[in-house]
Amino acid sequence: MTARTTDPARHPAKAADALRTFNHATLPTRSGPGIAYPGTVYNTIGAMATLAHRLPQALDHIALALADLHKAGHLTADHGTPTQHTTTAVTALRKAERLAEELTLALERAHAATGPLGYCGPMPEDDDDDL
């Protein structure tokens, strides 16, 4: 395995920050929901489904990297053994992969269900089309 000059953890950190920004932007207020239109809901669910669809591969890469580091004898542990910790982590990552696959399917169902929805309410001057 070759050393990388950049930290790959920065990518999921950016995704987490983007979700935090989304959460703040879509907080419901006294004047209404944080997302005003079903089209925006549809597009957002689609983007979330895409994100979820990519999680299993990312989790697999993490599990493989950890297993490779262990097999090469490059791990130590502050307590217990590297084998115990690696086994626990890889098992948890494999479970997270399966859960991400279930999440993807649920989001795809929600995406399909919101596709036919339209908006028939008043059109405010400031809307959420630029989320």
N, C-alpha and C. Protein backbone atom coordinates (compact mmCIF):
# COMPACT_ATOMS: atom_id res chain seq x y z
N MET A 1 0.85 -1.16 0.00
CA MET A 1 0.00 0.00 0.00
C MET A 1 0.90 1.23 0.00
N THR A 2 0.61 2.16 -0.87
CA THR A 2 1.41 3.38 -0.93
C THR A 2 0.80 4.45 -0.04
N ALA A 3 1.67 5.29 0.51
CA ALA A 3 1.19 6.39 1.35
C ALA A 3 0.56 7.47 0.46
N ARG A 4 -0.47 8.08 0.95
CA ARG A 4 -1.13 9.15 0.21
C ARG A 4 -0.71 10.49 0.77
N THR A 5 -0.67 11.47 -0.10
CA THR A 5 -0.27 12.80 0.36
C THR A 5 -1.43 13.59 0.93
N THR A 6 -2.64 13.13 0.68
CA THR A 6 -3.82 13.81 1.21
C THR A 6 -4.60 12.85 2.09
N ASP A 7 -5.33 13.40 3.02
CA ASP A 7 -6.11 12.60 3.95
C ASP A 7 -7.47 12.29 3.34
N PRO A 8 -7.76 11.02 3.02
CA PRO A 8 -9.07 10.70 2.43
C PRO A 8 -10.24 10.97 3.38
N ALA A 9 -9.98 11.07 4.68
CA ALA A 9 -11.06 11.34 5.64
C ALA A 9 -11.66 12.73 5.43
N ARG A 10 -10.98 13.59 4.70
CA ARG A 10 -11.52 14.94 4.47
C ARG A 10 -12.80 14.89 3.63
N HIS A 11 -12.94 13.89 2.79
CA HIS A 11 -14.12 13.80 1.93
C HIS A 11 -15.40 13.50 2.72
N PRO A 12 -15.42 12.45 3.56
CA PRO A 12 -16.63 12.25 4.37
C PRO A 12 -16.84 13.39 5.36
N ALA A 13 -15.77 14.04 5.82
CA ALA A 13 -15.93 15.19 6.72
C ALA A 13 -16.66 16.32 6.00
N LYS A 14 -16.33 16.53 4.71
CA LYS A 14 -17.03 17.55 3.92
C LYS A 14 -18.51 17.18 3.73
N ALA A 15 -18.76 15.89 3.50
CA ALA A 15 -20.14 15.44 3.35
C ALA A 15 -20.92 15.65 4.65
N ALA A 16 -20.29 15.37 5.77
CA ALA A 16 -20.95 15.59 7.07
C ALA A 16 -21.24 17.07 7.28
N ASP A 17 -20.29 17.93 6.92
CA ASP A 17 -20.53 19.38 7.03
C ASP A 17 -21.66 19.83 6.11
N ALA A 18 -21.72 19.25 4.92
CA ALA A 18 -22.79 19.60 3.99
C ALA A 18 -24.16 19.19 4.56
N LEU A 19 -24.23 18.03 5.21
CA LEU A 19 -25.49 17.61 5.83
C LEU A 19 -25.87 18.52 7.00
N ARG A 20 -24.87 18.95 7.75
CA ARG A 20 -25.14 19.88 8.85
C ARG A 20 -25.70 21.18 8.29
N THR A 21 -25.12 21.68 7.21
CA THR A 21 -25.60 22.90 6.57
C THR A 21 -27.03 22.71 6.07
N PHE A 22 -27.29 21.57 5.45
CA PHE A 22 -28.65 21.25 4.99
C PHE A 22 -29.63 21.25 6.17
N ASN A 23 -29.24 20.60 7.27
CA ASN A 23 -30.12 20.54 8.44
C ASN A 23 -30.47 21.93 8.95
N HIS A 24 -29.49 22.81 8.99
CA HIS A 24 -29.75 24.19 9.43
C HIS A 24 -30.64 24.94 8.43
N ALA A 25 -30.39 24.72 7.15
CA ALA A 25 -31.16 25.43 6.11
C ALA A 25 -32.61 24.98 6.06
N THR A 26 -32.90 23.79 6.54
CA THR A 26 -34.25 23.25 6.41
C THR A 26 -35.00 23.16 7.73
N LEU A 27 -34.50 23.84 8.75
CA LEU A 27 -35.23 23.87 10.03
C LEU A 27 -36.60 24.49 9.83
N PRO A 28 -37.65 23.84 10.32
CA PRO A 28 -38.97 24.47 10.25
C PRO A 28 -38.98 25.76 11.09
N THR A 29 -39.77 26.71 10.63
CA THR A 29 -39.92 27.98 11.36
C THR A 29 -41.38 28.18 11.70
N ARG A 30 -41.66 29.26 12.40
CA ARG A 30 -43.07 29.57 12.72
C ARG A 30 -43.90 29.82 11.47
N SER A 31 -43.25 30.27 10.42
CA SER A 31 -43.98 30.58 9.19
C SER A 31 -44.17 29.36 8.29
N GLY A 32 -43.56 28.23 8.63
CA GLY A 32 -43.80 27.05 7.81
C GLY A 32 -42.67 26.05 7.85
N PRO A 33 -42.79 25.04 6.98
CA PRO A 33 -41.77 23.99 6.95
C PRO A 33 -40.46 24.53 6.39
N GLY A 34 -39.40 23.81 6.67
CA GLY A 34 -38.09 24.21 6.18
C GLY A 34 -37.89 23.96 4.69
N ILE A 35 -38.72 23.13 4.12
CA ILE A 35 -38.72 22.88 2.68
C ILE A 35 -40.15 23.15 2.21
N ALA A 36 -40.29 24.09 1.31
CA ALA A 36 -41.63 24.57 0.95
C ALA A 36 -42.30 23.79 -0.18
N TYR A 37 -41.53 23.09 -1.01
CA TYR A 37 -42.12 22.50 -2.22
C TYR A 37 -41.82 21.01 -2.34
N PRO A 38 -42.77 20.23 -2.83
CA PRO A 38 -42.55 18.80 -3.00
C PRO A 38 -41.44 18.49 -4.00
N GLY A 39 -41.25 19.35 -4.97
CA GLY A 39 -40.15 19.14 -5.93
C GLY A 39 -38.80 19.20 -5.25
N THR A 40 -38.67 20.08 -4.27
CA THR A 40 -37.43 20.17 -3.52
C THR A 40 -37.26 18.94 -2.63
N VAL A 41 -38.37 18.47 -2.06
CA VAL A 41 -38.33 17.24 -1.27
C VAL A 41 -37.86 16.08 -2.17
N TYR A 42 -38.45 15.98 -3.34
CA TYR A 42 -38.11 14.91 -4.29
C TYR A 42 -36.62 14.96 -4.65
N ASN A 43 -36.13 16.14 -5.00
CA ASN A 43 -34.72 16.28 -5.38
C ASN A 43 -33.79 15.96 -4.20
N THR A 44 -34.19 16.38 -3.01
CA THR A 44 -33.37 16.13 -1.83
C THR A 44 -33.32 14.65 -1.51
N ILE A 45 -34.46 13.98 -1.57
CA ILE A 45 -34.47 12.53 -1.32
C ILE A 45 -33.60 11.82 -2.36
N GLY A 46 -33.68 12.26 -3.61
CA GLY A 46 -32.85 11.66 -4.65
C GLY A 46 -31.36 11.81 -4.35
N ALA A 47 -30.98 12.99 -3.89
CA ALA A 47 -29.57 13.22 -3.54
C ALA A 47 -29.16 12.37 -2.34
N MET A 48 -30.06 12.26 -1.35
CA MET A 48 -29.77 11.43 -0.19
C MET A 48 -29.65 9.96 -0.59
N ALA A 49 -30.49 9.52 -1.52
CA ALA A 49 -30.42 8.13 -2.00
C ALA A 49 -29.09 7.87 -2.70
N THR A 50 -28.63 8.84 -3.49
CA THR A 50 -27.34 8.71 -4.15
C THR A 50 -26.22 8.60 -3.12
N LEU A 51 -26.27 9.43 -2.11
CA LEU A 51 -25.28 9.38 -1.03
C LEU A 51 -25.30 8.01 -0.35
N ALA A 52 -26.48 7.54 0.00
CA ALA A 52 -26.61 6.25 0.67
C ALA A 52 -26.12 5.11 -0.22
N HIS A 53 -26.40 5.22 -1.52
CA HIS A 53 -25.98 4.19 -2.48
C HIS A 53 -24.45 4.06 -2.52
N ARG A 54 -23.75 5.15 -2.27
CA ARG A 54 -22.29 5.14 -2.32
C ARG A 54 -21.63 4.72 -1.00
N LEU A 55 -22.40 4.69 0.07
CA LEU A 55 -21.83 4.35 1.38
C LEU A 55 -21.28 2.92 1.46
N PRO A 56 -21.97 1.90 0.95
CA PRO A 56 -21.43 0.54 1.11
C PRO A 56 -20.02 0.38 0.53
N GLN A 57 -19.76 0.96 -0.63
CA GLN A 57 -18.43 0.84 -1.22
C GLN A 57 -17.40 1.56 -0.36
N ALA A 58 -17.75 2.74 0.14
CA ALA A 58 -16.82 3.48 0.99
C ALA A 58 -16.52 2.70 2.27
N LEU A 59 -17.54 2.12 2.86
CA LEU A 59 -17.35 1.33 4.08
C LEU A 59 -16.52 0.08 3.80
N ASP A 60 -16.73 -0.53 2.65
CA ASP A 60 -15.94 -1.68 2.24
C ASP A 60 -14.47 -1.29 2.12
N HIS A 61 -14.18 -0.15 1.53
CA HIS A 61 -12.79 0.30 1.38
C HIS A 61 -12.12 0.49 2.74
N ILE A 62 -12.88 1.04 3.69
CA ILE A 62 -12.34 1.23 5.04
C ILE A 62 -12.04 -0.12 5.69
N ALA A 63 -12.98 -1.05 5.59
CA ALA A 63 -12.79 -2.38 6.17
C ALA A 63 -11.60 -3.10 5.54
N LEU A 64 -11.48 -3.01 4.22
CA LEU A 64 -10.35 -3.65 3.53
C LEU A 64 -9.03 -3.03 3.96
N ALA A 65 -8.99 -1.71 4.08
CA ALA A 65 -7.76 -1.04 4.50
C ALA A 65 -7.34 -1.48 5.89
N LEU A 66 -8.31 -1.53 6.80
CA LEU A 66 -8.01 -1.94 8.16
C LEU A 66 -7.52 -3.39 8.20
N ALA A 67 -8.19 -4.26 7.46
CA ALA A 67 -7.78 -5.67 7.41
C ALA A 67 -6.38 -5.80 6.81
N ASP A 68 -6.09 -5.03 5.77
CA ASP A 68 -4.75 -5.08 5.16
C ASP A 68 -3.68 -4.59 6.13
N LEU A 69 -3.98 -3.52 6.86
CA LEU A 69 -3.03 -3.03 7.86
C LEU A 69 -2.77 -4.09 8.92
N HIS A 70 -3.83 -4.78 9.33
CA HIS A 70 -3.68 -5.84 10.33
C HIS A 70 -2.86 -7.00 9.79
N LYS A 71 -3.19 -7.47 8.59
CA LYS A 71 -2.48 -8.60 7.98
C LYS A 71 -0.99 -8.29 7.80
N ALA A 72 -0.68 -7.03 7.52
CA ALA A 72 0.72 -6.63 7.33
C ALA A 72 1.45 -6.45 8.65
N GLY A 73 0.74 -6.55 9.76
CA GLY A 73 1.37 -6.40 11.06
C GLY A 73 1.67 -4.95 11.44
N HIS A 74 0.89 -4.03 10.88
CA HIS A 74 1.14 -2.59 11.09
C HIS A 74 0.27 -1.98 12.18
N LEU A 75 -0.44 -2.81 12.95
CA LEU A 75 -1.32 -2.28 13.98
C LEU A 75 -0.84 -2.65 15.37
N THR A 76 -1.06 -1.74 16.31
CA THR A 76 -0.86 -2.03 17.73
C THR A 76 -2.16 -1.64 18.43
N ALA A 77 -2.26 -1.98 19.70
CA ALA A 77 -3.46 -1.64 20.46
C ALA A 77 -3.06 -1.20 21.86
N ASP A 78 -3.71 -0.16 22.36
CA ASP A 78 -3.45 0.33 23.73
C ASP A 78 -3.89 -0.70 24.77
N HIS A 79 -4.92 -1.45 24.45
CA HIS A 79 -5.39 -2.53 25.32
C HIS A 79 -5.99 -3.60 24.43
N GLY A 80 -6.09 -4.81 24.92
CA GLY A 80 -6.56 -5.90 24.09
C GLY A 80 -5.52 -6.18 23.01
N THR A 81 -5.99 -6.78 21.92
CA THR A 81 -5.07 -7.10 20.82
C THR A 81 -5.54 -6.42 19.54
N PRO A 82 -4.62 -6.18 18.62
CA PRO A 82 -5.04 -5.63 17.33
C PRO A 82 -6.07 -6.52 16.63
N THR A 83 -5.93 -7.84 16.80
CA THR A 83 -6.88 -8.76 16.18
C THR A 83 -8.29 -8.53 16.72
N GLN A 84 -8.41 -8.40 18.04
CA GLN A 84 -9.74 -8.17 18.65
C GLN A 84 -10.37 -6.88 18.09
N HIS A 85 -9.60 -5.82 18.10
CA HIS A 85 -10.14 -4.53 17.66
C HIS A 85 -10.43 -4.51 16.16
N THR A 86 -9.56 -5.12 15.38
CA THR A 86 -9.78 -5.17 13.93
C THR A 86 -11.02 -5.99 13.61
N THR A 87 -11.16 -7.15 14.26
CA THR A 87 -12.33 -8.00 14.03
C THR A 87 -13.62 -7.26 14.39
N THR A 88 -13.61 -6.59 15.53
CA THR A 88 -14.80 -5.84 15.95
C THR A 88 -15.12 -4.73 14.95
N ALA A 89 -14.11 -3.99 14.55
CA ALA A 89 -14.33 -2.88 13.62
C ALA A 89 -14.82 -3.38 12.26
N VAL A 90 -14.19 -4.40 11.72
CA VAL A 90 -14.58 -4.92 10.41
C VAL A 90 -15.99 -5.49 10.46
N THR A 91 -16.33 -6.19 11.52
CA THR A 91 -17.69 -6.72 11.67
C THR A 91 -18.71 -5.59 11.70
N ALA A 92 -18.41 -4.54 12.45
CA ALA A 92 -19.31 -3.39 12.53
C ALA A 92 -19.42 -2.68 11.18
N LEU A 93 -18.32 -2.57 10.45
CA LEU A 93 -18.35 -1.93 9.13
C LEU A 93 -19.18 -2.76 8.15
N ARG A 94 -19.08 -4.08 8.21
CA ARG A 94 -19.88 -4.95 7.33
C ARG A 94 -21.37 -4.79 7.65
N LYS A 95 -21.70 -4.67 8.94
CA LYS A 95 -23.09 -4.44 9.31
C LYS A 95 -23.55 -3.07 8.79
N ALA A 96 -22.69 -2.06 8.91
CA ALA A 96 -23.02 -0.72 8.41
C ALA A 96 -23.25 -0.75 6.90
N GLU A 97 -22.49 -1.58 6.18
CA GLU A 97 -22.71 -1.73 4.74
C GLU A 97 -24.12 -2.23 4.45
N ARG A 98 -24.53 -3.29 5.19
CA ARG A 98 -25.87 -3.85 4.99
C ARG A 98 -26.96 -2.82 5.33
N LEU A 99 -26.74 -2.08 6.41
CA LEU A 99 -27.72 -1.05 6.79
C LEU A 99 -27.78 0.07 5.75
N ALA A 100 -26.64 0.43 5.18
CA ALA A 100 -26.63 1.46 4.13
C ALA A 100 -27.38 0.98 2.90
N GLU A 101 -27.29 -0.31 2.60
CA GLU A 101 -28.05 -0.86 1.48
C GLU A 101 -29.55 -0.78 1.76
N GLU A 102 -29.95 -1.07 3.00
CA GLU A 102 -31.36 -0.94 3.38
C GLU A 102 -31.81 0.52 3.33
N LEU A 103 -30.94 1.42 3.80
CA LEU A 103 -31.24 2.85 3.74
C LEU A 103 -31.44 3.30 2.30
N THR A 104 -30.59 2.83 1.41
CA THR A 104 -30.72 3.17 -0.01
C THR A 104 -32.08 2.74 -0.54
N LEU A 105 -32.48 1.51 -0.24
CA LEU A 105 -33.77 1.01 -0.73
C LEU A 105 -34.93 1.83 -0.18
N ALA A 106 -34.87 2.18 1.11
CA ALA A 106 -35.94 2.98 1.71
C ALA A 106 -36.00 4.36 1.07
N LEU A 107 -34.85 4.96 0.83
CA LEU A 107 -34.83 6.29 0.20
C LEU A 107 -35.32 6.22 -1.25
N GLU A 108 -35.00 5.14 -1.93
CA GLU A 108 -35.50 4.98 -3.30
C GLU A 108 -37.02 4.86 -3.31
N ARG A 109 -37.58 4.15 -2.31
CA ARG A 109 -39.05 4.06 -2.21
C ARG A 109 -39.65 5.44 -1.93
N ALA A 110 -39.04 6.18 -1.02
CA ALA A 110 -39.54 7.52 -0.70
C ALA A 110 -39.43 8.44 -1.92
N HIS A 111 -38.34 8.30 -2.66
CA HIS A 111 -38.13 9.13 -3.86
C HIS A 111 -39.22 8.84 -4.89
N ALA A 112 -39.49 7.56 -5.12
CA ALA A 112 -40.53 7.19 -6.08
C ALA A 112 -41.90 7.68 -5.62
N ALA A 113 -42.17 7.62 -4.32
CA ALA A 113 -43.47 8.04 -3.80
C ALA A 113 -43.68 9.54 -3.89
N THR A 114 -42.60 10.31 -3.83
CA THR A 114 -42.76 11.78 -3.89
C THR A 114 -42.73 12.30 -5.32
N GLY A 115 -42.36 11.47 -6.28
CA GLY A 115 -42.31 11.89 -7.68
C GLY A 115 -43.62 12.47 -8.22
N PRO A 116 -44.76 11.87 -7.93
CA PRO A 116 -46.01 12.38 -8.48
C PRO A 116 -46.57 13.62 -7.78
N LEU A 117 -45.97 14.01 -6.66
CA LEU A 117 -46.52 15.12 -5.88
C LEU A 117 -46.23 16.47 -6.51
N GLY A 118 -47.21 17.35 -6.42
CA GLY A 118 -47.05 18.73 -6.90
C GLY A 118 -47.48 19.70 -5.82
N TYR A 119 -47.24 20.96 -6.05
CA TYR A 119 -47.55 22.02 -5.08
C TYR A 119 -48.71 22.83 -5.61
N CYS A 120 -49.68 23.13 -4.72
CA CYS A 120 -50.83 23.94 -5.13
C CYS A 120 -51.10 25.06 -4.14
N GLY A 121 -50.13 25.40 -3.30
CA GLY A 121 -50.31 26.45 -2.31
C GLY A 121 -49.85 27.80 -2.84
N PRO A 122 -49.86 28.78 -1.97
CA PRO A 122 -49.42 30.13 -2.38
C PRO A 122 -47.92 30.13 -2.70
N MET A 123 -47.52 31.03 -3.57
CA MET A 123 -46.13 31.14 -3.98
C MET A 123 -45.48 32.32 -3.25
N PRO A 124 -44.70 32.03 -2.20
CA PRO A 124 -44.02 33.12 -1.50
C PRO A 124 -42.88 33.68 -2.35
N GLU A 125 -42.48 34.91 -2.03
CA GLU A 125 -41.41 35.53 -2.78
C GLU A 125 -40.06 34.84 -2.55
N ASP A 126 -39.82 34.40 -1.32
CA ASP A 126 -38.57 33.69 -1.06
C ASP A 126 -38.91 32.21 -0.91
N ASP A 127 -38.34 31.41 -1.79
CA ASP A 127 -38.62 29.98 -1.73
C ASP A 127 -37.34 29.20 -1.52
N ASP A 128 -37.47 27.88 -1.49
CA ASP A 128 -36.32 27.02 -1.20
C ASP A 128 -35.71 26.39 -2.44
N ASP A 129 -35.97 26.96 -3.61
CA ASP A 129 -35.44 26.37 -4.83
C ASP A 129 -33.93 26.40 -4.93
N ASP A 130 -33.27 27.23 -4.13
CA ASP A 130 -31.82 27.32 -4.23
C ASP A 130 -31.08 26.53 -3.16
N LEU A 131 -31.75 25.53 -2.53
CA LEU A 131 -31.08 24.69 -1.51
C LEU A 131 -29.94 23.98 -2.08
